[in-house]
PDB file of N, CA and C in Angstrom:
ATOM      1  N   MET A   1       6.268  -5.066 -17.341  1.00  0.00           N
ATOM      2  CA  MET A   1       5.057  -4.805 -16.591  1.00  0.00           C
ATOM      3  C   MET A   1       4.137  -6.022 -16.719  1.00  0.00           C
ATOM      4  N   ILE A   2       3.534  -6.417 -15.632  1.00  0.00           N
ATOM      5  CA  ILE A   2       2.646  -7.579 -15.609  1.00  0.00           C
ATOM      6  C   ILE A   2       1.375  -7.240 -16.387  1.00  0.00           C
ATOM      7  N   SER A   3       0.963  -8.167 -17.250  1.00  0.00           N
ATOM      8  CA  SER A   3      -0.196  -7.915 -18.111  1.00  0.00           C
ATOM      9  C   SER A   3      -1.490  -7.819 -17.291  1.00  0.00           C
ATOM     10  N   ARG A   4      -2.444  -7.090 -17.838  1.00  0.00           N
ATOM     11  CA  ARG A   4      -3.733  -6.883 -17.175  1.00  0.00           C
ATOM     12  C   ARG A   4      -4.464  -8.213 -16.992  1.00  0.00           C
ATOM     13  N   SER A   5      -4.368  -9.101 -17.967  1.00  0.00           N
ATOM     14  CA  SER A   5      -5.056 -10.391 -17.866  1.00  0.00           C
ATOM     15  C   SER A   5      -4.477 -11.231 -16.724  1.00  0.00           C
ATOM     16  N   THR A   6      -3.157 -11.161 -16.526  1.00  0.00           N
ATOM     17  CA  THR A   6      -2.532 -11.886 -15.416  1.00  0.00           C
ATOM     18  C   THR A   6      -2.973 -11.299 -14.085  1.00  0.00           C
ATOM     19  N   ILE A   7      -3.015  -9.981 -13.989  1.00  0.00           N
ATOM     20  CA  ILE A   7      -3.453  -9.311 -12.759  1.00  0.00           C
ATOM     21  C   ILE A   7      -4.892  -9.705 -12.444  1.00  0.00           C
ATOM     22  N   ASP A   8      -5.760  -9.686 -13.453  1.00  0.00           N
ATOM     23  CA  ASP A   8      -7.159 -10.072 -13.253  1.00  0.00           C
ATOM     24  C   ASP A   8      -7.272 -11.510 -12.768  1.00  0.00           C
ATOM     25  N   GLN A   9      -6.455 -12.396 -13.343  1.00  0.00           N
ATOM     26  CA  GLN A   9      -6.473 -13.804 -12.947  1.00  0.00           C
ATOM     27  C   GLN A   9      -6.033 -13.966 -11.492  1.00  0.00           C
ATOM     28  N   ILE A  10      -5.009 -13.230 -11.084  1.00  0.00           N
ATOM     29  CA  ILE A  10      -4.530 -13.294  -9.692  1.00  0.00           C
ATOM     30  C   ILE A  10      -5.630 -12.837  -8.739  1.00  0.00           C
ATOM     31  N   TYR A  11      -6.298 -11.726  -9.062  1.00  0.00           N
ATOM     32  CA  TYR A  11      -7.376 -11.223  -8.205  1.00  0.00           C
ATOM     33  C   TYR A  11      -8.532 -12.223  -8.114  1.00  0.00           C
ATOM     34  N   GLN A  12      -8.795 -12.957  -9.192  1.00  0.00           N
ATOM     35  CA  GLN A  12      -9.897 -13.918  -9.190  1.00  0.00           C
ATOM     36  C   GLN A  12      -9.607 -15.137  -8.326  1.00  0.00           C
ATOM     37  N   VAL A  13      -8.370 -15.618  -8.335  1.00  0.00           N
ATOM     38  CA  VAL A  13      -8.069 -16.866  -7.622  1.00  0.00           C
ATOM     39  C   VAL A  13      -7.516 -16.665  -6.213  1.00  0.00           C
ATOM     40  N   ALA A  14      -7.055 -15.469  -5.878  1.00  0.00           N
ATOM     41  CA  ALA A  14      -6.485 -15.218  -4.551  1.00  0.00           C
ATOM     42  C   ALA A  14      -7.615 -15.069  -3.534  1.00  0.00           C
ATOM     43  N   ILE A  15      -7.924 -16.152  -2.859  1.00  0.00           N
ATOM     44  CA  ILE A  15      -8.996 -16.163  -1.858  1.00  0.00           C
ATOM     45  C   ILE A  15      -8.470 -15.471  -0.601  1.00  0.00           C
ATOM     46  N   ILE A  16      -9.096 -14.363  -0.244  1.00  0.00           N
ATOM     47  CA  ILE A  16      -8.538 -13.492   0.798  1.00  0.00           C
ATOM     48  C   ILE A  16      -8.356 -14.191   2.138  1.00  0.00           C
ATOM     49  N   GLU A  17      -9.325 -14.992   2.574  1.00  0.00           N
ATOM     50  CA  GLU A  17      -9.176 -15.652   3.872  1.00  0.00           C
ATOM     51  C   GLU A  17      -8.079 -16.710   3.831  1.00  0.00           C
ATOM     52  N   GLU A  18      -7.817 -17.270   2.662  1.00  0.00           N
ATOM     53  CA  GLU A  18      -6.728 -18.245   2.515  1.00  0.00           C
ATOM     54  C   GLU A  18      -5.366 -17.539   2.550  1.00  0.00           C
ATOM     55  N   VAL A  19      -5.264 -16.422   1.848  1.00  0.00           N
ATOM     56  CA  VAL A  19      -4.018 -15.650   1.807  1.00  0.00           C
ATOM     57  C   VAL A  19      -3.677 -15.134   3.198  1.00  0.00           C
ATOM     58  N   ILE A  20      -4.619 -14.480   3.849  1.00  0.00           N
ATOM     59  CA  ILE A  20      -4.378 -13.898   5.168  1.00  0.00           C
ATOM     60  C   ILE A  20      -4.229 -14.990   6.227  1.00  0.00           C
ATOM     61  N   GLY A  21      -4.942 -16.100   6.062  1.00  0.00           N
ATOM     62  CA  GLY A  21      -4.886 -17.203   7.008  1.00  0.00           C
ATOM     63  C   GLY A  21      -3.502 -17.813   7.153  1.00  0.00           C
ATOM     64  N   GLU A  22      -2.625 -17.589   6.193  1.00  0.00           N
ATOM     65  CA  GLU A  22      -1.247 -18.070   6.303  1.00  0.00           C
ATOM     66  C   GLU A  22      -0.440 -17.256   7.311  1.00  0.00           C
ATOM     67  N   PHE A  23      -0.901 -16.054   7.623  1.00  0.00           N
ATOM     68  CA  PHE A  23      -0.171 -15.156   8.505  1.00  0.00           C
ATOM     69  C   PHE A  23      -0.909 -14.850   9.805  1.00  0.00           C
ATOM     70  N   VAL A  24      -2.236 -14.990   9.795  1.00  0.00           N
ATOM     71  CA  VAL A  24      -3.072 -14.608  10.930  1.00  0.00           C
ATOM     72  C   VAL A  24      -4.006 -15.775  11.257  1.00  0.00           C
ATOM     73  N   HIS A  25      -4.113 -16.113  12.538  1.00  0.00           N
ATOM     74  CA  HIS A  25      -5.072 -17.141  12.952  1.00  0.00           C
ATOM     75  C   HIS A  25      -6.459 -16.513  12.908  1.00  0.00           C
ATOM     76  N   LEU A  26      -7.304 -16.996  11.990  1.00  0.00           N
ATOM     77  CA  LEU A  26      -8.641 -16.427  11.803  1.00  0.00           C
ATOM     78  C   LEU A  26      -9.700 -17.365  12.367  1.00  0.00           C
ATOM     79  N   LYS A  27     -10.722 -16.761  12.980  1.00  0.00           N
ATOM     80  CA  LYS A  27     -11.875 -17.520  13.475  1.00  0.00           C
ATOM     81  C   LYS A  27     -13.122 -16.955  12.808  1.00  0.00           C
ATOM     82  N   ARG A  28     -14.002 -17.863  12.397  1.00  0.00           N
ATOM     83  CA  ARG A  28     -15.244 -17.427  11.761  1.00  0.00           C
ATOM     84  C   ARG A  28     -16.088 -16.654  12.771  1.00  0.00           C
ATOM     85  N   SER A  29     -16.664 -15.557  12.284  1.00  0.00           N
ATOM     86  CA  SER A  29     -17.556 -14.729  13.090  1.00  0.00           C
ATOM     87  C   SER A  29     -18.701 -14.295  12.175  1.00  0.00           C
ATOM     88  N   GLY A  30     -19.761 -15.081  12.137  1.00  0.00           N
ATOM     89  CA  GLY A  30     -20.854 -14.817  11.197  1.00  0.00           C
ATOM     90  C   GLY A  30     -20.391 -15.113   9.785  1.00  0.00           C
ATOM     91  N   SER A  31     -20.543 -14.147   8.900  1.00  0.00           N
ATOM     92  CA  SER A  31     -20.114 -14.349   7.514  1.00  0.00           C
ATOM     93  C   SER A  31     -18.673 -13.893   7.293  1.00  0.00           C
ATOM     94  N   ALA A  32     -18.042 -13.374   8.335  1.00  0.00           N
ATOM     95  CA  ALA A  32     -16.665 -12.866   8.231  1.00  0.00           C
ATOM     96  C   ALA A  32     -15.732 -13.706   9.103  1.00  0.00           C
ATOM     97  N   PHE A  33     -14.465 -13.301   9.125  1.00  0.00           N
ATOM     98  CA  PHE A  33     -13.466 -13.920   9.992  1.00  0.00           C
ATOM     99  C   PHE A  33     -12.832 -12.821  10.829  1.00  0.00           C
ATOM    100  N   LYS A  34     -12.423 -13.161  12.037  1.00  0.00           N
ATOM    101  CA  LYS A  34     -11.749 -12.206  12.920  1.00  0.00           C
ATOM    102  C   LYS A  34     -10.458 -12.803  13.428  1.00  0.00           C
ATOM    103  N   GLY A  35      -9.520 -11.919  13.758  1.00  0.00           N
ATOM    104  CA  GLY A  35      -8.254 -12.347  14.321  1.00  0.00           C
ATOM    105  C   GLY A  35      -7.504 -11.163  14.892  1.00  0.00           C
ATOM    106  N   LEU A  36      -6.361 -11.459  15.510  1.00  0.00           N
ATOM    107  CA  LEU A  36      -5.505 -10.394  16.028  1.00  0.00           C
ATOM    108  C   LEU A  36      -4.760  -9.761  14.861  1.00  0.00           C
ATOM    109  N   SER A  37      -4.716  -8.470  14.842  1.00  0.00           N
ATOM    110  CA  SER A  37      -4.082  -7.750  13.739  1.00  0.00           C
ATOM    111  C   SER A  37      -2.575  -7.981  13.701  1.00  0.00           C
ATOM    112  N   PRO A  38      -2.040  -8.264  12.508  1.00  0.00           N
ATOM    113  CA  PRO A  38      -0.587  -8.372  12.385  1.00  0.00           C
ATOM    114  C   PRO A  38       0.081  -6.996  12.316  1.00  0.00           C
ATOM    115  N   PHE A  39      -0.730  -5.937  12.243  1.00  0.00           N
ATOM    116  CA  PHE A  39      -0.206  -4.580  12.097  1.00  0.00           C
ATOM    117  C   PHE A  39      -0.244  -3.783  13.398  1.00  0.00           C
ATOM    118  N   ALA A  40      -1.003  -4.260  14.387  1.00  0.00           N
ATOM    119  CA  ALA A  40      -1.139  -3.541  15.657  1.00  0.00           C
ATOM    120  C   ALA A  40      -0.969  -4.531  16.804  1.00  0.00           C
ATOM    121  N   ASN A  41      -0.400  -4.065  17.893  1.00  0.00           N
ATOM    122  CA  ASN A  41      -0.237  -4.903  19.077  1.00  0.00           C
ATOM    123  C   ASN A  41      -1.544  -4.840  19.859  1.00  0.00           C
ATOM    124  N   GLU A  42      -2.292  -5.950  19.856  1.00  0.00           N
ATOM    125  CA  GLU A  42      -3.593  -5.931  20.507  1.00  0.00           C
ATOM    126  C   GLU A  42      -3.868  -7.253  21.226  1.00  0.00           C
ATOM    127  N   LYS A  43      -4.795  -7.186  22.169  1.00  0.00           N
ATOM    128  CA  LYS A  43      -5.153  -8.376  22.939  1.00  0.00           C
ATOM    129  C   LYS A  43      -6.518  -8.923  22.540  1.00  0.00           C
ATOM    130  N   THR A  44      -7.370  -8.065  22.012  1.00  0.00           N
ATOM    131  CA  THR A  44      -8.670  -8.518  21.527  1.00  0.00           C
ATOM    132  C   THR A  44      -8.728  -8.296  20.014  1.00  0.00           C
ATOM    133  N   PRO A  45      -9.305  -9.239  19.282  1.00  0.00           N
ATOM    134  CA  PRO A  45      -9.317  -9.156  17.816  1.00  0.00           C
ATOM    135  C   PRO A  45     -10.077  -7.941  17.280  1.00  0.00           C
ATOM    136  N   SER A  46      -9.395  -7.164  16.449  1.00  0.00           N
ATOM    137  CA  SER A  46     -10.047  -6.047  15.763  1.00  0.00           C
ATOM    138  C   SER A  46      -9.786  -6.128  14.262  1.00  0.00           C
ATOM    139  N   PHE A  47      -9.249  -7.260  13.840  1.00  0.00           N
ATOM    140  CA  PHE A  47      -8.891  -7.485  12.442  1.00  0.00           C
ATOM    141  C   PHE A  47      -9.984  -8.354  11.819  1.00  0.00           C
ATOM    142  N   THR A  48     -10.648  -7.835  10.798  1.00  0.00           N
ATOM    143  CA  THR A  48     -11.773  -8.523  10.181  1.00  0.00           C
ATOM    144  C   THR A  48     -11.497  -8.793   8.712  1.00  0.00           C
ATOM    145  N   VAL A  49     -11.866  -9.994   8.254  1.00  0.00           N
ATOM    146  CA  VAL A  49     -11.740 -10.374   6.849  1.00  0.00           C
ATOM    147  C   VAL A  49     -13.133 -10.717   6.344  1.00  0.00           C
ATOM    148  N   SER A  50     -13.530 -10.088   5.251  1.00  0.00           N
ATOM    149  CA  SER A  50     -14.840 -10.327   4.649  1.00  0.00           C
ATOM    150  C   SER A  50     -14.668 -11.058   3.321  1.00  0.00           C
ATOM    151  N   PRO A  51     -14.901 -12.382   3.298  1.00  0.00           N
ATOM    152  CA  PRO A  51     -14.769 -13.123   2.047  1.00  0.00           C
ATOM    153  C   PRO A  51     -15.755 -12.659   0.973  1.00  0.00           C
ATOM    154  N   ALA A  52     -16.962 -12.270   1.376  1.00  0.00           N
ATOM    155  CA  ALA A  52     -17.976 -11.845   0.415  1.00  0.00           C
ATOM    156  C   ALA A  52     -17.528 -10.586  -0.341  1.00  0.00           C
ATOM    157  N   LYS A  53     -16.850  -9.680   0.365  1.00  0.00           N
ATOM    158  CA  LYS A  53     -16.379  -8.439  -0.260  1.00  0.00           C
ATOM    159  C   LYS A  53     -14.941  -8.555  -0.753  1.00  0.00           C
ATOM    160  N   GLY A  54     -14.210  -9.569  -0.262  1.00  0.00           N
ATOM    161  CA  GLY A  54     -12.819  -9.760  -0.671  1.00  0.00           C
ATOM    162  C   GLY A  54     -11.874  -8.743  -0.072  1.00  0.00           C
ATOM    163  N   ILE A  55     -12.209  -8.274   1.157  1.00  0.00           N
ATOM    164  CA  ILE A  55     -11.393  -7.242   1.797  1.00  0.00           C
ATOM    165  C   ILE A  55     -11.074  -7.603   3.243  1.00  0.00           C
ATOM    166  N   PHE A  56     -10.059  -6.885   3.787  1.00  0.00           N
ATOM    167  CA  PHE A  56      -9.752  -6.968   5.211  1.00  0.00           C
ATOM    168  C   PHE A  56      -9.768  -5.563   5.772  1.00  0.00           C
ATOM    169  N   LYS A  57      -9.954  -5.469   7.091  1.00  0.00           N
ATOM    170  CA  LYS A  57      -9.921  -4.166   7.761  1.00  0.00           C
ATOM    171  C   LYS A  57      -9.407  -4.365   9.175  1.00  0.00           C
ATOM    172  N   CYS A  58      -8.414  -3.561   9.541  1.00  0.00           N
ATOM    173  CA  CYS A  58      -7.916  -3.546  10.913  1.00  0.00           C
ATOM    174  C   CYS A  58      -8.507  -2.310  11.577  1.00  0.00           C
ATOM    175  N   PHE A  59      -9.370  -2.525  12.542  1.00  0.00           N
ATOM    176  CA  PHE A  59      -9.995  -1.394  13.216  1.00  0.00           C
ATOM    177  C   PHE A  59      -9.080  -0.800  14.283  1.00  0.00           C
ATOM    178  N   GLY A  60      -7.962  -1.469  14.572  1.00  0.00           N
ATOM    179  CA  GLY A  60      -6.994  -0.941  15.527  1.00  0.00           C
ATOM    180  C   GLY A  60      -6.118   0.134  14.911  1.00  0.00           C
ATOM    181  N   CYS A  61      -5.640  -0.109  13.682  1.00  0.00           N
ATOM    182  CA  CYS A  61      -4.729   0.851  13.046  1.00  0.00           C
ATOM    183  C   CYS A  61      -5.311   1.480  11.782  1.00  0.00           C
ATOM    184  N   GLY A  62      -6.433   0.958  11.298  1.00  0.00           N
ATOM    185  CA  GLY A  62      -7.094   1.560  10.148  1.00  0.00           C
ATOM    186  C   GLY A  62      -6.687   1.000   8.791  1.00  0.00           C
ATOM    187  N   LYS A  63      -5.763   0.050   8.763  1.00  0.00           N
ATOM    188  CA  LYS A  63      -5.341  -0.509   7.473  1.00  0.00           C
ATOM    189  C   LYS A  63      -6.423  -1.420   6.929  1.00  0.00           C
ATOM    190  N   GLY A  64      -6.511  -1.454   5.608  1.00  0.00           N
ATOM    191  CA  GLY A  64      -7.502  -2.305   4.966  1.00  0.00           C
ATOM    192  C   GLY A  64      -7.182  -2.466   3.496  1.00  0.00           C
ATOM    193  N   GLY A  65      -7.909  -3.348   2.836  1.00  0.00           N
ATOM    194  CA  GLY A  65      -7.715  -3.552   1.413  1.00  0.00           C
ATOM    195  C   GLY A  65      -8.014  -4.979   1.012  1.00  0.00           C
ATOM    196  N   ASN A  66      -7.442  -5.383  -0.123  1.00  0.00           N
ATOM    197  CA  ASN A  66      -7.671  -6.727  -0.645  1.00  0.00           C
ATOM    198  C   ASN A  66      -6.457  -7.621  -0.362  1.00  0.00           C
ATOM    199  N   SER A  67      -6.438  -8.794  -0.965  1.00  0.00           N
ATOM    200  CA  SER A  67      -5.361  -9.750  -0.690  1.00  0.00           C
ATOM    201  C   SER A  67      -3.998  -9.224  -1.143  1.00  0.00           C
ATOM    202  N   VAL A  68      -3.960  -8.491  -2.256  1.00  0.00           N
ATOM    203  CA  VAL A  68      -2.687  -7.937  -2.732  1.00  0.00           C
ATOM    204  C   VAL A  68      -2.198  -6.854  -1.772  1.00  0.00           C
ATOM    205  N   ASN A  69      -3.114  -6.006  -1.314  1.00  0.00           N
ATOM    206  CA  ASN A  69      -2.742  -4.970  -0.341  1.00  0.00           C
ATOM    207  C   ASN A  69      -2.202  -5.586   0.942  1.00  0.00           C
ATOM    208  N   PHE A  70      -2.808  -6.695   1.377  1.00  0.00           N
ATOM    209  CA  PHE A  70      -2.340  -7.355   2.595  1.00  0.00           C
ATOM    210  C   PHE A  70      -0.911  -7.847   2.417  1.00  0.00           C
ATOM    211  N   ILE A  71      -0.624  -8.517   1.312  1.00  0.00           N
ATOM    212  CA  ILE A  71       0.726  -9.020   1.064  1.00  0.00           C
ATOM    213  C   ILE A  71       1.714  -7.855   0.993  1.00  0.00           C
ATOM    214  N   MET A  72       1.320  -6.756   0.357  1.00  0.00           N
ATOM    215  CA  MET A  72       2.194  -5.578   0.277  1.00  0.00           C
ATOM    216  C   MET A  72       2.518  -5.048   1.668  1.00  0.00           C
ATOM    217  N   GLU A  73       1.497  -4.897   2.503  1.00  0.00           N
ATOM    218  CA  GLU A  73       1.686  -4.348   3.848  1.00  0.00           C
ATOM    219  C   GLU A  73       2.456  -5.311   4.753  1.00  0.00           C
ATOM    220  N   HIS A  74       2.045  -6.561   4.755  1.00  0.00           N
ATOM    221  CA  HIS A  74       2.628  -7.529   5.683  1.00  0.00           C
ATOM    222  C   HIS A  74       4.057  -7.898   5.321  1.00  0.00           C
ATOM    223  N   GLU A  75       4.320  -8.105   4.044  1.00  0.00           N
ATOM    224  CA  GLU A  75       5.640  -8.540   3.598  1.00  0.00           C
ATOM    225  C   GLU A  75       6.536  -7.380   3.154  1.00  0.00           C
ATOM    226  N   LYS A  76       6.020  -6.163   3.207  1.00  0.00           N
ATOM    227  CA  LYS A  76       6.761  -4.956   2.797  1.00  0.00           C
ATOM    228  C   LYS A  76       7.244  -5.084   1.345  1.00  0.00           C
ATOM    229  N   LEU A  77       6.306  -5.441   0.451  1.00  0.00           N
ATOM    230  CA  LEU A  77       6.619  -5.634  -0.962  1.00  0.00           C
ATOM    231  C   LEU A  77       5.994  -4.540  -1.806  1.00  0.00           C
ATOM    232  N   THR A  78       6.532  -4.367  -3.001  1.00  0.00           N
ATOM    233  CA  THR A  78       5.919  -3.470  -3.971  1.00  0.00           C
ATOM    234  C   THR A  78       4.722  -4.185  -4.592  1.00  0.00           C
ATOM    235  N   TYR A  79       3.898  -3.435  -5.305  1.00  0.00           N
ATOM    236  CA  TYR A  79       2.720  -4.022  -5.951  1.00  0.00           C
ATOM    237  C   TYR A  79       3.104  -5.160  -6.915  1.00  0.00           C
ATOM    238  N   PRO A  80       4.070  -4.961  -7.822  1.00  0.00           N
ATOM    239  CA  PRO A  80       4.447  -6.066  -8.725  1.00  0.00           C
ATOM    240  C   PRO A  80       4.994  -7.283  -7.981  1.00  0.00           C
ATOM    241  N   ASP A  81       5.776  -7.060  -6.929  1.00  0.00           N
ATOM    242  CA  ASP A  81       6.331  -8.180  -6.168  1.00  0.00           C
ATOM    243  C   ASP A  81       5.237  -8.945  -5.416  1.00  0.00           C
ATOM    244  N   ALA A  82       4.245  -8.228  -4.898  1.00  0.00           N
ATOM    245  CA  ALA A  82       3.119  -8.881  -4.230  1.00  0.00           C
ATOM    246  C   ALA A  82       2.329  -9.719  -5.232  1.00  0.00           C
ATOM    247  N   LEU A  83       2.127  -9.188  -6.435  1.00  0.00           N
ATOM    248  CA  LEU A  83       1.447  -9.953  -7.481  1.00  0.00           C
ATOM    249  C   LEU A  83       2.237 -11.201  -7.834  1.00  0.00           C
ATOM    250  N   ARG A  84       3.551 -11.063  -7.945  1.00  0.00           N
ATOM    251  CA  ARG A  84       4.393 -12.224  -8.264  1.00  0.00           C
ATOM    252  C   ARG A  84       4.319 -13.289  -7.173  1.00  0.00           C
ATOM    253  N   GLN A  85       4.303 -12.865  -5.914  1.00  0.00           N
ATOM    254  CA  GLN A  85       4.222 -13.823  -4.806  1.00  0.00           C
ATOM    255  C   GLN A  85       2.900 -14.585  -4.854  1.00  0.00           C
ATOM    256  N   LEU A  86       1.804 -13.878  -5.098  1.00  0.00           N
ATOM    257  CA  LEU A  86       0.510 -14.544  -5.184  1.00  0.00           C
ATOM    258  C   LEU A  86       0.427 -15.437  -6.418  1.00  0.00           C
ATOM    259  N   ALA A  87       1.004 -14.997  -7.522  1.00  0.00           N
ATOM    260  CA  ALA A  87       1.013 -15.815  -8.736  1.00  0.00           C
ATOM    261  C   ALA A  87       1.768 -17.119  -8.487  1.00  0.00           C
ATOM    262  N   LYS A  88       2.866 -17.031  -7.783  1.00  0.00           N
ATOM    263  CA  LYS A  88       3.650 -18.234  -7.455  1.00  0.00           C
ATOM    264  C   LYS A  88       2.840 -19.162  -6.553  1.00  0.00           C
ATOM    265  N   LYS A  89       2.159 -18.602  -5.553  1.00  0.00           N
ATOM    266  CA  LYS A  89       1.356 -19.404  -4.629  1.00  0.00           C
ATOM    267  C   LYS A  89       0.264 -20.171  -5.368  1.00  0.00           C
ATOM    268  N   TYR A  90      -0.359 -19.537  -6.357  1.00  0.00           N
ATOM    269  CA  TYR A  90      -1.474 -20.149  -7.079  1.00  0.00           C
ATOM    270  C   TYR A  90      -1.069 -20.727  -8.442  1.00  0.00           C
ATOM    271  N   ASN A  91       0.229 -20.856  -8.676  1.00  0.00           N
ATOM    272  CA  ASN A  91       0.753 -21.440  -9.925  1.00  0.00           C
ATOM    273  C   ASN A  91       0.196 -20.769 -11.181  1.00  0.00           C
ATOM    274  N   ILE A  92       0.271 -19.444 -11.180  1.00  0.00           N
ATOM    275  CA  ILE A  92      -0.181 -18.672 -12.335  1.00  0.00           C
ATOM    276  C   ILE A  92       1.037 -18.191 -13.091  1.00  0.00           C
ATOM    277  N   ALA A  93       1.079 -18.471 -14.382  1.00  0.00           N
ATOM    278  CA  ALA A  93       2.177 -18.005 -15.229  1.00  0.00           C
ATOM    279  C   ALA A  93       2.003 -16.501 -15.436  1.00  0.00           C
ATOM    280  N   ILE A  94       3.083 -15.758 -15.219  1.00  0.00           N
ATOM    281  CA  ILE A  94       3.038 -14.307 -15.347  1.00  0.00           C
ATOM    282  C   ILE A  94       3.378 -13.893 -16.772  1.00  0.00           C
ATOM    283  N   GLU A  95       2.433 -13.175 -17.390  1.00  0.00           N
ATOM    284  CA  GLU A  95       2.652 -12.606 -18.709  1.00  0.00           C
ATOM    285  C   GLU A  95       3.100 -11.160 -18.519  1.00  0.00           C
ATOM    286  N   GLU A  96       4.199 -10.812 -19.174  1.00  0.00           N
ATOM    287  CA  GLU A  96       4.729  -9.445 -19.038  1.00  0.00           C
ATOM    288  C   GLU A  96       4.504  -8.663 -20.325  1.00  0.00           C
ATOM    289  N   ASP A  97       4.060  -7.415 -20.191  1.00  0.00           N
ATOM    290  CA  ASP A  97       3.969  -6.486 -21.313  1.00  0.00           C
ATOM    291  C   ASP A  97       5.185  -5.591 -21.267  1.00  0.00           C
ATOM    292  N   GLU A  98       5.620  -5.143 -22.431  1.00  0.00           N
ATOM    293  CA  GLU A  98       6.767  -4.243 -22.459  1.00  0.00           C
ATOM    294  C   GLU A  98       6.350  -2.818 -22.653  1.00  0.00           C
TER     295      GLU A  98
END
């Protein structure tokens, strides 16, 4: 099991607009970013990313959450696998508890 300190470190360094920006073309809209949802087939952007809150929300299908939730939903990964993917992206050594 991934240690709590490693999980906390991943949440601190995983910048949500950077993580989601690898999969979705985001445009700044005030203090947030908007783009076409990767979860719904749409023509006008209803996908919003709030860097200040560290969350995303798709108003087309209702999905939302943080950067780990996005990786889980988009890549169809489990929670530990999503954490591992983000840890690899940010060069974080994973500490495992038994």
